[in-house]
N, C-alpha and C. Protein backbone atom coordinates (compact mmCIF):
# COMPACT_ATOMS: atom_id res chain seq x y z
N MET A 1 0.85 -1.20 0.00
CA MET A 1 0.01 0.01 0.00
C MET A 1 0.88 1.25 0.00
N ALA A 2 0.50 2.26 -0.75
CA ALA A 2 1.30 3.49 -0.83
C ALA A 2 1.24 4.26 0.49
N LYS A 3 2.37 4.85 0.84
CA LYS A 3 2.45 5.63 2.06
C LYS A 3 1.73 6.98 1.82
N ASN A 4 1.30 7.63 2.93
CA ASN A 4 0.57 8.89 2.81
C ASN A 4 1.46 10.04 2.37
N PHE A 5 2.69 10.06 2.90
CA PHE A 5 3.60 11.14 2.55
C PHE A 5 5.03 10.73 2.86
N ILE A 6 5.98 11.55 2.38
CA ILE A 6 7.38 11.32 2.74
C ILE A 6 7.93 12.62 3.26
N TYR A 7 9.10 12.54 3.91
CA TYR A 7 9.84 13.75 4.32
C TYR A 7 10.91 14.03 3.25
N LEU A 8 11.04 15.28 2.90
CA LEU A 8 12.11 15.70 2.01
C LEU A 8 13.12 16.49 2.84
N ALA A 9 14.31 15.93 2.99
CA ALA A 9 15.34 16.59 3.80
C ALA A 9 16.24 17.42 2.87
N SER A 10 15.70 18.50 2.35
CA SER A 10 16.46 19.36 1.45
C SER A 10 15.90 20.78 1.50
N GLN A 11 16.82 21.74 1.47
CA GLN A 11 16.40 23.15 1.46
C GLN A 11 16.22 23.66 0.04
N SER A 12 16.50 22.84 -0.96
CA SER A 12 16.44 23.26 -2.36
C SER A 12 15.01 23.37 -2.87
N PRO A 13 14.60 24.56 -3.31
CA PRO A 13 13.24 24.68 -3.89
C PRO A 13 13.11 23.88 -5.17
N ARG A 14 14.22 23.66 -5.89
CA ARG A 14 14.16 22.88 -7.13
C ARG A 14 13.83 21.43 -6.82
N ARG A 15 14.41 20.87 -5.78
CA ARG A 15 14.09 19.47 -5.42
C ARG A 15 12.62 19.34 -5.04
N ARG A 16 12.12 20.34 -4.34
CA ARG A 16 10.71 20.29 -3.95
C ARG A 16 9.81 20.31 -5.18
N GLN A 17 10.14 21.17 -6.15
CA GLN A 17 9.36 21.24 -7.39
C GLN A 17 9.40 19.94 -8.16
N LEU A 18 10.57 19.31 -8.18
CA LEU A 18 10.71 18.06 -8.91
C LEU A 18 9.92 16.93 -8.25
N LEU A 19 9.92 16.93 -6.92
CA LEU A 19 9.15 15.92 -6.19
C LEU A 19 7.65 16.13 -6.44
N GLU A 20 7.24 17.40 -6.51
CA GLU A 20 5.83 17.71 -6.82
C GLU A 20 5.47 17.20 -8.22
N GLN A 21 6.44 17.21 -9.12
CA GLN A 21 6.23 16.72 -10.48
C GLN A 21 5.84 15.23 -10.46
N LEU A 22 6.37 14.50 -9.49
CA LEU A 22 6.02 13.08 -9.35
C LEU A 22 4.67 12.88 -8.65
N GLY A 23 4.14 13.96 -8.10
CA GLY A 23 2.86 13.86 -7.40
C GLY A 23 2.98 13.19 -6.04
N VAL A 24 4.14 13.33 -5.41
CA VAL A 24 4.37 12.68 -4.12
C VAL A 24 4.13 13.70 -2.99
N PRO A 25 3.12 13.48 -2.13
CA PRO A 25 2.92 14.38 -0.99
C PRO A 25 4.14 14.33 -0.06
N HIS A 26 4.59 15.50 0.37
CA HIS A 26 5.80 15.51 1.20
C HIS A 26 5.78 16.70 2.17
N GLU A 27 6.56 16.53 3.22
CA GLU A 27 6.79 17.60 4.18
C GLU A 27 8.29 17.82 4.28
N LEU A 28 8.69 19.06 4.48
CA LEU A 28 10.10 19.35 4.60
C LEU A 28 10.61 18.98 6.00
N LEU A 29 11.80 18.42 6.03
CA LEU A 29 12.46 18.05 7.30
C LEU A 29 13.83 18.73 7.29
N LEU A 30 13.83 20.01 7.64
CA LEU A 30 15.04 20.83 7.49
C LEU A 30 15.85 20.93 8.76
N PRO A 31 17.17 21.18 8.63
CA PRO A 31 18.03 21.34 9.80
C PRO A 31 17.60 22.50 10.69
N GLY A 32 17.77 22.32 11.98
CA GLY A 32 17.46 23.41 12.92
C GLY A 32 18.63 24.38 12.96
N PRO A 33 18.48 25.52 13.63
CA PRO A 33 19.52 26.55 13.68
C PRO A 33 20.82 26.07 14.35
N LYS A 34 20.70 25.04 15.20
CA LYS A 34 21.90 24.55 15.92
C LYS A 34 22.64 23.45 15.15
N GLU A 35 22.04 22.97 14.06
CA GLU A 35 22.70 21.93 13.26
C GLU A 35 23.72 22.55 12.31
N ASP A 36 24.87 21.92 12.25
CA ASP A 36 25.93 22.40 11.34
C ASP A 36 25.83 21.64 10.02
N ALA A 37 24.89 22.07 9.19
CA ALA A 37 24.63 21.36 7.93
C ALA A 37 25.77 21.55 6.93
N GLU A 38 26.45 22.70 7.00
CA GLU A 38 27.50 23.00 6.03
C GLU A 38 28.72 22.09 6.17
N SER A 39 29.10 21.76 7.40
CA SER A 39 30.32 20.97 7.62
C SER A 39 30.21 19.57 7.01
N ILE A 40 28.98 19.08 6.86
CA ILE A 40 28.75 17.77 6.23
C ILE A 40 29.31 17.75 4.81
N GLU A 41 29.28 18.91 4.15
CA GLU A 41 29.68 18.99 2.75
C GLU A 41 31.17 19.17 2.53
N ALA A 42 31.96 19.17 3.60
CA ALA A 42 33.41 19.33 3.43
C ALA A 42 34.00 18.13 2.70
N VAL A 43 34.89 18.42 1.76
CA VAL A 43 35.53 17.35 0.97
C VAL A 43 36.73 16.79 1.74
N LEU A 44 36.84 15.47 1.78
CA LEU A 44 38.00 14.83 2.43
C LEU A 44 39.20 14.87 1.48
N PRO A 45 40.42 14.91 2.01
CA PRO A 45 41.61 14.94 1.15
C PRO A 45 41.65 13.76 0.19
N GLY A 46 41.83 14.06 -1.09
CA GLY A 46 41.95 13.01 -2.10
C GLY A 46 40.67 12.29 -2.44
N GLU A 47 39.54 12.78 -1.96
CA GLU A 47 38.26 12.08 -2.16
C GLU A 47 37.78 12.21 -3.61
N ALA A 48 37.36 11.09 -4.19
CA ALA A 48 36.84 11.07 -5.56
C ALA A 48 35.42 11.62 -5.56
N PRO A 49 35.00 12.27 -6.66
CA PRO A 49 33.67 12.87 -6.72
C PRO A 49 32.53 11.91 -6.40
N THR A 50 32.56 10.68 -6.93
CA THR A 50 31.49 9.71 -6.66
C THR A 50 31.43 9.35 -5.20
N ALA A 51 32.58 9.06 -4.61
CA ALA A 51 32.64 8.73 -3.18
C ALA A 51 32.13 9.89 -2.35
N TYR A 52 32.51 11.10 -2.75
CA TYR A 52 32.11 12.30 -2.03
C TYR A 52 30.61 12.48 -2.00
N VAL A 53 29.98 12.46 -3.18
CA VAL A 53 28.56 12.76 -3.23
C VAL A 53 27.72 11.67 -2.56
N GLU A 54 28.17 10.42 -2.64
CA GLU A 54 27.45 9.34 -1.95
C GLU A 54 27.63 9.44 -0.44
N ARG A 55 28.83 9.79 0.01
CA ARG A 55 29.08 9.92 1.45
C ARG A 55 28.27 11.07 2.05
N VAL A 56 28.28 12.22 1.38
CA VAL A 56 27.57 13.38 1.88
C VAL A 56 26.06 13.13 1.92
N THR A 57 25.53 12.47 0.91
CA THR A 57 24.10 12.15 0.90
C THR A 57 23.74 11.24 2.08
N GLY A 58 24.60 10.27 2.35
CA GLY A 58 24.37 9.37 3.48
C GLY A 58 24.41 10.10 4.81
N LEU A 59 25.35 11.03 4.95
CA LEU A 59 25.44 11.83 6.19
C LEU A 59 24.23 12.73 6.36
N LYS A 60 23.76 13.30 5.26
CA LYS A 60 22.57 14.16 5.32
C LYS A 60 21.35 13.35 5.74
N LEU A 61 21.27 12.10 5.23
CA LEU A 61 20.13 11.25 5.59
C LEU A 61 20.25 10.81 7.04
N ASP A 62 21.45 10.50 7.51
CA ASP A 62 21.64 10.16 8.92
C ASP A 62 21.14 11.29 9.82
N ALA A 63 21.51 12.53 9.45
CA ALA A 63 21.12 13.71 10.23
C ALA A 63 19.60 13.88 10.21
N ALA A 64 18.99 13.64 9.04
CA ALA A 64 17.54 13.80 8.92
C ALA A 64 16.78 12.75 9.73
N VAL A 65 17.28 11.51 9.74
CA VAL A 65 16.65 10.44 10.52
C VAL A 65 16.69 10.81 12.01
N ALA A 66 17.85 11.27 12.47
CA ALA A 66 18.00 11.67 13.88
C ALA A 66 17.10 12.89 14.20
N ARG A 67 16.97 13.79 13.24
CA ARG A 67 16.14 14.99 13.40
C ARG A 67 14.67 14.62 13.58
N ARG A 68 14.20 13.67 12.77
CA ARG A 68 12.80 13.23 12.89
C ARG A 68 12.51 12.65 14.26
N VAL A 69 13.43 11.81 14.73
CA VAL A 69 13.25 11.18 16.04
C VAL A 69 13.30 12.22 17.15
N ALA A 70 14.29 13.12 17.07
CA ALA A 70 14.45 14.15 18.10
C ALA A 70 13.24 15.08 18.18
N ARG A 71 12.60 15.30 17.04
CA ARG A 71 11.43 16.19 17.04
C ARG A 71 10.11 15.46 17.31
N GLY A 72 10.20 14.14 17.47
CA GLY A 72 9.01 13.36 17.77
C GLY A 72 7.99 13.35 16.64
N LEU A 73 8.47 13.42 15.42
CA LEU A 73 7.58 13.45 14.26
C LEU A 73 7.14 12.03 13.87
N PRO A 74 5.99 11.92 13.20
CA PRO A 74 5.51 10.59 12.78
C PRO A 74 6.51 9.91 11.85
N ASP A 75 6.52 8.60 11.93
CA ASP A 75 7.43 7.83 11.05
C ASP A 75 6.92 7.88 9.61
N ALA A 76 7.83 8.14 8.69
CA ALA A 76 7.52 8.14 7.25
C ALA A 76 8.85 8.07 6.51
N PRO A 77 8.84 7.62 5.25
CA PRO A 77 10.09 7.57 4.49
C PRO A 77 10.74 8.95 4.41
N ILE A 78 12.07 8.96 4.42
CA ILE A 78 12.83 10.21 4.34
C ILE A 78 13.69 10.17 3.08
N LEU A 79 13.57 11.21 2.26
CA LEU A 79 14.31 11.31 1.00
C LEU A 79 15.38 12.41 1.11
N CYS A 80 16.57 12.07 0.66
CA CYS A 80 17.68 13.00 0.72
C CYS A 80 18.46 12.92 -0.59
N SER A 81 19.09 14.05 -0.98
CA SER A 81 19.84 14.07 -2.23
C SER A 81 20.96 15.10 -2.14
N ASP A 82 22.02 14.86 -2.90
CA ASP A 82 23.12 15.83 -2.98
C ASP A 82 23.70 15.82 -4.38
N THR A 83 24.08 17.00 -4.84
CA THR A 83 24.61 17.15 -6.21
C THR A 83 25.99 17.79 -6.15
N THR A 84 26.91 17.27 -6.96
CA THR A 84 28.19 17.91 -7.10
C THR A 84 28.60 17.92 -8.57
N VAL A 85 29.45 18.90 -8.89
CA VAL A 85 29.98 19.04 -10.24
C VAL A 85 31.44 18.66 -10.18
N ALA A 86 31.90 17.90 -11.19
CA ALA A 86 33.29 17.43 -11.19
C ALA A 86 33.94 17.62 -12.55
N LEU A 87 35.16 18.14 -12.52
CA LEU A 87 35.99 18.24 -13.73
C LEU A 87 37.18 17.34 -13.46
N GLY A 88 37.19 16.15 -14.08
CA GLY A 88 38.18 15.15 -13.69
C GLY A 88 37.89 14.73 -12.26
N ARG A 89 38.91 14.79 -11.40
CA ARG A 89 38.70 14.45 -9.98
C ARG A 89 38.47 15.70 -9.12
N THR A 90 38.44 16.87 -9.75
CA THR A 90 38.24 18.11 -9.01
C THR A 90 36.74 18.30 -8.73
N ILE A 91 36.42 18.51 -7.47
CA ILE A 91 35.02 18.69 -7.04
C ILE A 91 34.71 20.18 -6.95
N TYR A 92 33.60 20.56 -7.59
CA TYR A 92 33.14 21.95 -7.53
C TYR A 92 31.86 21.99 -6.71
N GLY A 93 31.97 22.50 -5.50
CA GLY A 93 30.79 22.63 -4.64
C GLY A 93 30.13 23.97 -4.88
N LYS A 94 29.49 24.48 -3.83
CA LYS A 94 28.83 25.79 -3.92
C LYS A 94 29.90 26.89 -3.79
N PRO A 95 29.85 27.91 -4.62
CA PRO A 95 30.86 28.97 -4.53
C PRO A 95 30.75 29.74 -3.21
N GLY A 96 31.91 30.08 -2.65
CA GLY A 96 31.93 30.80 -1.39
C GLY A 96 31.76 32.30 -1.56
N SER A 97 31.93 32.78 -2.80
CA SER A 97 31.83 34.21 -3.09
C SER A 97 31.60 34.38 -4.59
N ALA A 98 31.29 35.61 -5.00
CA ALA A 98 31.12 35.90 -6.42
C ALA A 98 32.42 35.63 -7.18
N GLN A 99 33.54 35.96 -6.56
CA GLN A 99 34.86 35.73 -7.17
C GLN A 99 35.09 34.23 -7.38
N ASP A 100 34.67 33.44 -6.40
CA ASP A 100 34.80 31.98 -6.49
C ASP A 100 33.92 31.44 -7.63
N ALA A 101 32.72 32.01 -7.77
CA ALA A 101 31.79 31.60 -8.84
C ALA A 101 32.40 31.90 -10.21
N VAL A 102 33.03 33.08 -10.35
CA VAL A 102 33.68 33.45 -11.61
C VAL A 102 34.79 32.46 -11.93
N ARG A 103 35.58 32.09 -10.93
CA ARG A 103 36.66 31.14 -11.13
C ARG A 103 36.15 29.79 -11.62
N MET A 104 35.09 29.29 -10.96
CA MET A 104 34.52 27.99 -11.33
C MET A 104 34.03 28.01 -12.78
N LEU A 105 33.27 29.01 -13.11
CA LEU A 105 32.67 29.09 -14.45
C LEU A 105 33.75 29.25 -15.52
N ALA A 106 34.81 29.98 -15.20
CA ALA A 106 35.91 30.15 -16.15
C ALA A 106 36.60 28.81 -16.41
N GLU A 107 36.70 27.98 -15.37
CA GLU A 107 37.34 26.67 -15.51
C GLU A 107 36.45 25.68 -16.26
N LEU A 108 35.11 25.84 -16.12
CA LEU A 108 34.18 24.96 -16.80
C LEU A 108 33.93 25.39 -18.24
N SER A 109 34.18 26.66 -18.54
CA SER A 109 33.94 27.21 -19.86
C SER A 109 34.69 26.45 -20.96
N GLY A 110 33.97 26.08 -22.01
CA GLY A 110 34.58 25.38 -23.15
C GLY A 110 34.98 23.94 -22.88
N ARG A 111 34.53 23.38 -21.77
CA ARG A 111 34.95 22.01 -21.41
C ARG A 111 33.73 21.17 -21.00
N GLU A 112 33.94 19.87 -21.00
CA GLU A 112 32.88 18.96 -20.55
C GLU A 112 33.15 18.59 -19.08
N HIS A 113 32.09 18.60 -18.28
CA HIS A 113 32.20 18.20 -16.87
C HIS A 113 31.09 17.22 -16.53
N ARG A 114 31.22 16.59 -15.38
CA ARG A 114 30.19 15.65 -14.92
C ARG A 114 29.36 16.31 -13.80
N VAL A 115 28.09 15.95 -13.78
CA VAL A 115 27.22 16.34 -12.68
C VAL A 115 26.74 15.06 -12.03
N LEU A 116 27.07 14.88 -10.76
CA LEU A 116 26.73 13.66 -10.02
C LEU A 116 25.69 14.00 -8.96
N THR A 117 24.58 13.29 -8.99
CA THR A 117 23.55 13.45 -7.96
C THR A 117 23.26 12.11 -7.32
N ALA A 118 23.47 12.04 -6.03
CA ALA A 118 23.17 10.82 -5.27
C ALA A 118 21.82 11.01 -4.59
N VAL A 119 21.05 9.94 -4.53
CA VAL A 119 19.74 9.96 -3.87
C VAL A 119 19.72 8.84 -2.85
N ALA A 120 19.15 9.11 -1.68
CA ALA A 120 19.02 8.06 -0.65
C ALA A 120 17.65 8.17 0.00
N LEU A 121 17.05 7.03 0.25
CA LEU A 121 15.71 6.96 0.84
C LEU A 121 15.73 5.99 2.02
N GLN A 122 15.33 6.48 3.18
CA GLN A 122 15.23 5.65 4.38
C GLN A 122 13.75 5.32 4.61
N ALA A 123 13.41 4.06 4.57
CA ALA A 123 12.02 3.64 4.75
C ALA A 123 11.96 2.35 5.53
N GLU A 124 11.27 2.38 6.66
CA GLU A 124 11.08 1.19 7.51
C GLU A 124 12.40 0.48 7.82
N GLY A 125 13.39 1.26 8.18
CA GLY A 125 14.67 0.68 8.59
C GLY A 125 15.60 0.29 7.46
N LYS A 126 15.12 0.41 6.23
CA LYS A 126 15.96 0.08 5.07
C LYS A 126 16.42 1.33 4.36
N ARG A 127 17.62 1.29 3.82
CA ARG A 127 18.16 2.43 3.08
C ARG A 127 18.37 2.03 1.63
N LEU A 128 17.74 2.77 0.73
CA LEU A 128 17.85 2.55 -0.69
C LEU A 128 18.62 3.73 -1.31
N THR A 129 19.53 3.44 -2.23
CA THR A 129 20.35 4.51 -2.81
C THR A 129 20.41 4.41 -4.33
N ALA A 130 20.70 5.52 -4.95
CA ALA A 130 20.88 5.55 -6.41
C ALA A 130 21.83 6.69 -6.74
N LEU A 131 22.45 6.60 -7.92
CA LEU A 131 23.38 7.63 -8.37
C LEU A 131 23.10 7.97 -9.83
N SER A 132 22.99 9.24 -10.13
CA SER A 132 22.81 9.72 -11.50
C SER A 132 24.07 10.48 -11.91
N VAL A 133 24.63 10.12 -13.06
CA VAL A 133 25.82 10.81 -13.57
C VAL A 133 25.52 11.35 -14.97
N SER A 134 25.63 12.64 -15.14
CA SER A 134 25.39 13.28 -16.42
C SER A 134 26.64 14.01 -16.89
N ARG A 135 26.72 14.24 -18.18
CA ARG A 135 27.85 15.00 -18.72
C ARG A 135 27.34 16.25 -19.42
N VAL A 136 27.97 17.37 -19.12
CA VAL A 136 27.54 18.65 -19.67
C VAL A 136 28.76 19.34 -20.29
N ARG A 137 28.59 19.82 -21.51
CA ARG A 137 29.67 20.60 -22.13
C ARG A 137 29.20 22.04 -22.31
N PHE A 138 29.98 22.96 -21.73
CA PHE A 138 29.73 24.38 -21.92
C PHE A 138 30.48 24.89 -23.15
N ALA A 139 29.85 25.77 -23.90
CA ALA A 139 30.57 26.50 -24.95
C ALA A 139 31.52 27.46 -24.25
N ALA A 140 32.50 27.96 -24.99
CA ALA A 140 33.41 28.95 -24.42
C ALA A 140 32.61 30.21 -24.05
N MET A 141 32.81 30.70 -22.83
CA MET A 141 32.13 31.91 -22.38
C MET A 141 33.15 33.03 -22.21
N THR A 142 32.76 34.23 -22.58
CA THR A 142 33.67 35.38 -22.40
C THR A 142 33.64 35.81 -20.94
N ASP A 143 34.64 36.57 -20.56
CA ASP A 143 34.68 37.09 -19.18
C ASP A 143 33.44 37.93 -18.88
N ALA A 144 33.00 38.70 -19.88
CA ALA A 144 31.82 39.56 -19.69
C ALA A 144 30.56 38.71 -19.49
N GLN A 145 30.45 37.62 -20.23
CA GLN A 145 29.29 36.73 -20.09
C GLN A 145 29.27 36.07 -18.71
N ILE A 146 30.44 35.63 -18.26
CA ILE A 146 30.53 35.00 -16.92
C ILE A 146 30.19 36.03 -15.85
N SER A 147 30.76 37.23 -15.97
CA SER A 147 30.52 38.28 -14.97
C SER A 147 29.05 38.65 -14.89
N ALA A 148 28.39 38.74 -16.05
CA ALA A 148 26.97 39.10 -16.07
C ALA A 148 26.12 38.01 -15.40
N TYR A 149 26.48 36.77 -15.65
CA TYR A 149 25.73 35.66 -15.03
C TYR A 149 25.94 35.64 -13.51
N VAL A 150 27.17 35.83 -13.09
CA VAL A 150 27.46 35.87 -11.64
C VAL A 150 26.75 37.04 -10.98
N ALA A 151 26.70 38.17 -11.66
CA ALA A 151 26.05 39.37 -11.12
C ALA A 151 24.54 39.16 -10.90
N SER A 152 23.96 38.19 -11.62
CA SER A 152 22.53 37.91 -11.45
C SER A 152 22.26 37.26 -10.09
N GLY A 153 23.31 36.72 -9.49
CA GLY A 153 23.16 36.07 -8.18
C GLY A 153 22.78 34.60 -8.25
N GLU A 154 22.44 34.13 -9.44
CA GLU A 154 21.96 32.74 -9.56
C GLU A 154 23.00 31.68 -9.20
N PRO A 155 24.30 31.90 -9.49
CA PRO A 155 25.27 30.85 -9.18
C PRO A 155 25.43 30.53 -7.69
N MET A 156 25.08 31.49 -6.83
CA MET A 156 25.30 31.28 -5.40
C MET A 156 24.38 30.18 -4.85
N GLY A 157 24.97 29.32 -4.05
CA GLY A 157 24.21 28.22 -3.44
C GLY A 157 24.01 27.02 -4.36
N LYS A 158 24.69 27.05 -5.54
CA LYS A 158 24.55 25.95 -6.46
C LYS A 158 25.89 25.30 -6.76
N ALA A 159 25.92 23.98 -6.76
CA ALA A 159 27.16 23.24 -7.09
C ALA A 159 27.64 23.64 -8.48
N GLY A 160 28.93 23.91 -8.59
CA GLY A 160 29.49 24.28 -9.89
C GLY A 160 29.16 25.68 -10.31
N ALA A 161 28.48 26.44 -9.44
CA ALA A 161 28.15 27.85 -9.66
C ALA A 161 27.17 28.06 -10.82
N TYR A 162 26.27 27.10 -11.04
CA TYR A 162 25.24 27.36 -12.05
C TYR A 162 24.00 26.49 -11.81
N GLY A 163 22.88 26.98 -12.38
CA GLY A 163 21.64 26.23 -12.38
C GLY A 163 21.24 25.98 -13.81
N ILE A 164 21.14 24.72 -14.20
CA ILE A 164 20.88 24.35 -15.60
C ILE A 164 19.57 24.95 -16.12
N GLN A 165 18.61 25.18 -15.20
CA GLN A 165 17.30 25.67 -15.61
C GLN A 165 17.27 27.19 -15.82
N GLY A 166 18.40 27.87 -15.56
CA GLY A 166 18.45 29.32 -15.68
C GLY A 166 19.12 29.79 -16.96
N PRO A 167 19.53 31.07 -16.99
CA PRO A 167 20.12 31.68 -18.20
C PRO A 167 21.38 30.98 -18.70
N VAL A 168 22.08 30.26 -17.83
CA VAL A 168 23.32 29.57 -18.25
C VAL A 168 23.04 28.52 -19.32
N ALA A 169 21.76 28.12 -19.45
CA ALA A 169 21.38 27.09 -20.45
C ALA A 169 21.79 27.51 -21.88
N GLN A 170 21.89 28.81 -22.12
CA GLN A 170 22.28 29.27 -23.45
C GLN A 170 23.70 28.90 -23.82
N TYR A 171 24.50 28.50 -22.82
CA TYR A 171 25.91 28.11 -23.09
C TYR A 171 26.11 26.59 -23.07
N VAL A 172 25.02 25.84 -22.85
CA VAL A 172 25.12 24.38 -22.80
C VAL A 172 25.13 23.84 -24.23
N GLU A 173 26.32 23.43 -24.66
CA GLU A 173 26.52 22.95 -26.02
C GLU A 173 25.99 21.53 -26.17
N ASN A 174 26.19 20.72 -25.13
CA ASN A 174 25.77 19.32 -25.18
C ASN A 174 25.47 18.83 -23.78
N LEU A 175 24.45 17.98 -23.68
CA LEU A 175 24.06 17.41 -22.39
C LEU A 175 23.75 15.93 -22.60
N ASN A 176 24.38 15.09 -21.84
CA ASN A 176 24.16 13.65 -21.96
C ASN A 176 23.87 13.11 -20.56
N GLY A 177 22.61 12.72 -20.33
CA GLY A 177 22.26 12.20 -19.02
C GLY A 177 20.89 12.65 -18.57
N SER A 178 20.75 12.98 -17.30
CA SER A 178 19.48 13.32 -16.69
C SER A 178 19.37 14.81 -16.43
N TYR A 179 18.45 15.49 -17.14
CA TYR A 179 18.26 16.92 -16.93
C TYR A 179 17.81 17.18 -15.49
N THR A 180 16.87 16.36 -14.97
CA THR A 180 16.40 16.56 -13.60
C THR A 180 17.50 16.22 -12.59
N GLY A 181 18.38 15.29 -12.97
CA GLY A 181 19.52 14.98 -12.11
C GLY A 181 20.45 16.17 -11.98
N ILE A 182 20.64 16.89 -13.09
CA ILE A 182 21.50 18.09 -13.06
C ILE A 182 20.81 19.18 -12.24
N MET A 183 19.49 19.22 -12.26
CA MET A 183 18.75 20.19 -11.43
C MET A 183 18.86 19.86 -9.95
N GLY A 184 19.08 18.58 -9.62
CA GLY A 184 19.26 18.22 -8.21
C GLY A 184 18.49 17.02 -7.72
N LEU A 185 17.57 16.48 -8.55
CA LEU A 185 16.82 15.30 -8.13
C LEU A 185 16.44 14.49 -9.38
N PRO A 186 17.23 13.45 -9.72
CA PRO A 186 16.94 12.67 -10.93
C PRO A 186 15.64 11.90 -10.76
N LEU A 187 14.62 12.25 -11.56
CA LEU A 187 13.29 11.71 -11.32
C LEU A 187 13.18 10.22 -11.64
N TYR A 188 13.91 9.74 -12.64
CA TYR A 188 13.84 8.30 -12.95
C TYR A 188 14.35 7.48 -11.75
N GLU A 189 15.54 7.83 -11.28
CA GLU A 189 16.14 7.08 -10.15
C GLU A 189 15.32 7.26 -8.86
N THR A 190 14.83 8.48 -8.64
CA THR A 190 14.05 8.75 -7.43
C THR A 190 12.74 7.95 -7.45
N ALA A 191 12.06 7.94 -8.59
CA ALA A 191 10.81 7.18 -8.71
C ALA A 191 11.05 5.70 -8.47
N ARG A 192 12.19 5.20 -8.96
CA ARG A 192 12.52 3.78 -8.77
C ARG A 192 12.65 3.46 -7.28
N LEU A 193 13.31 4.34 -6.53
CA LEU A 193 13.47 4.13 -5.08
C LEU A 193 12.11 4.21 -4.38
N LEU A 194 11.31 5.20 -4.77
CA LEU A 194 9.98 5.36 -4.14
C LEU A 194 9.08 4.18 -4.44
N ARG A 195 9.19 3.60 -5.61
CA ARG A 195 8.41 2.38 -5.91
C ARG A 195 8.85 1.22 -5.05
N ALA A 196 10.17 1.09 -4.91
CA ALA A 196 10.73 -0.02 -4.12
C ALA A 196 10.27 0.09 -2.66
N ALA A 197 10.03 1.31 -2.20
CA ALA A 197 9.60 1.51 -0.81
C ALA A 197 8.08 1.53 -0.68
N GLY A 198 7.36 1.34 -1.79
CA GLY A 198 5.90 1.30 -1.75
C GLY A 198 5.26 2.67 -1.72
N VAL A 199 6.04 3.74 -1.98
CA VAL A 199 5.50 5.11 -1.98
C VAL A 199 4.78 5.40 -3.29
N LEU A 200 5.35 4.92 -4.37
CA LEU A 200 4.77 5.07 -5.70
C LEU A 200 4.37 3.69 -6.23
N ARG A 201 3.39 3.66 -7.11
CA ARG A 201 3.01 2.40 -7.72
C ARG A 201 3.78 2.18 -9.01
C-alpha cells in the first residue's frame, strides 16, 4: 500500500518542485539553527567525486533520521539528495563568493564536466540509494558573459556555480544524461526508489 507522505530533507526549492512533479505528498524536514549542515559537505583529502557525493548524501540522511526522532515526528520515508559538479577528480561545490563563482565558471567554460547526484531513501529501517551521472559541455564563455551571469546572483548556493534551468542554459553545447539529475533530483532514479519503498506504484 502506498504511504501517505514522505519527508524531504532538502532546502532546495528545485528538489521540492521536482518531487511535486512526481505527485508525491511531502513535508520538509530541514536542519534546525543549531545543526551544522555545512560541515557535512566538506571534501575529504583526495576524495573522488562519486565517493564524495554518496558519502555526503548518506550523512545528510543520517542527520535527517535523527532529526525526525528528536522532534518526535511521525514515522515516514525520508528522502535525501546531494549534487556535485566534477571536472576530472576536481570537485566543484557551492561557490563561497562571487569571485569563487567566476573562477569555477571560467574553468568549466569550453569544457565537458560531470554532474553527479546521489539519492538516498530511508524507509522502515531500510536504506535505498541511487546515483545519477550526467555530462555537460559548456561552450566557451567570455569574461563579460561570466561576470553578467554571476552578477545575477543565480550561481550562489549551487554546485558548480550554475543552475541548468536558468540563463546559463544558453551556453550548454551538449548534455548527456538526466536533466532533472542536473537540477538536483533525478526523477527516474528517485521514482525507482519510491516504488521499491511502496510510496509510488
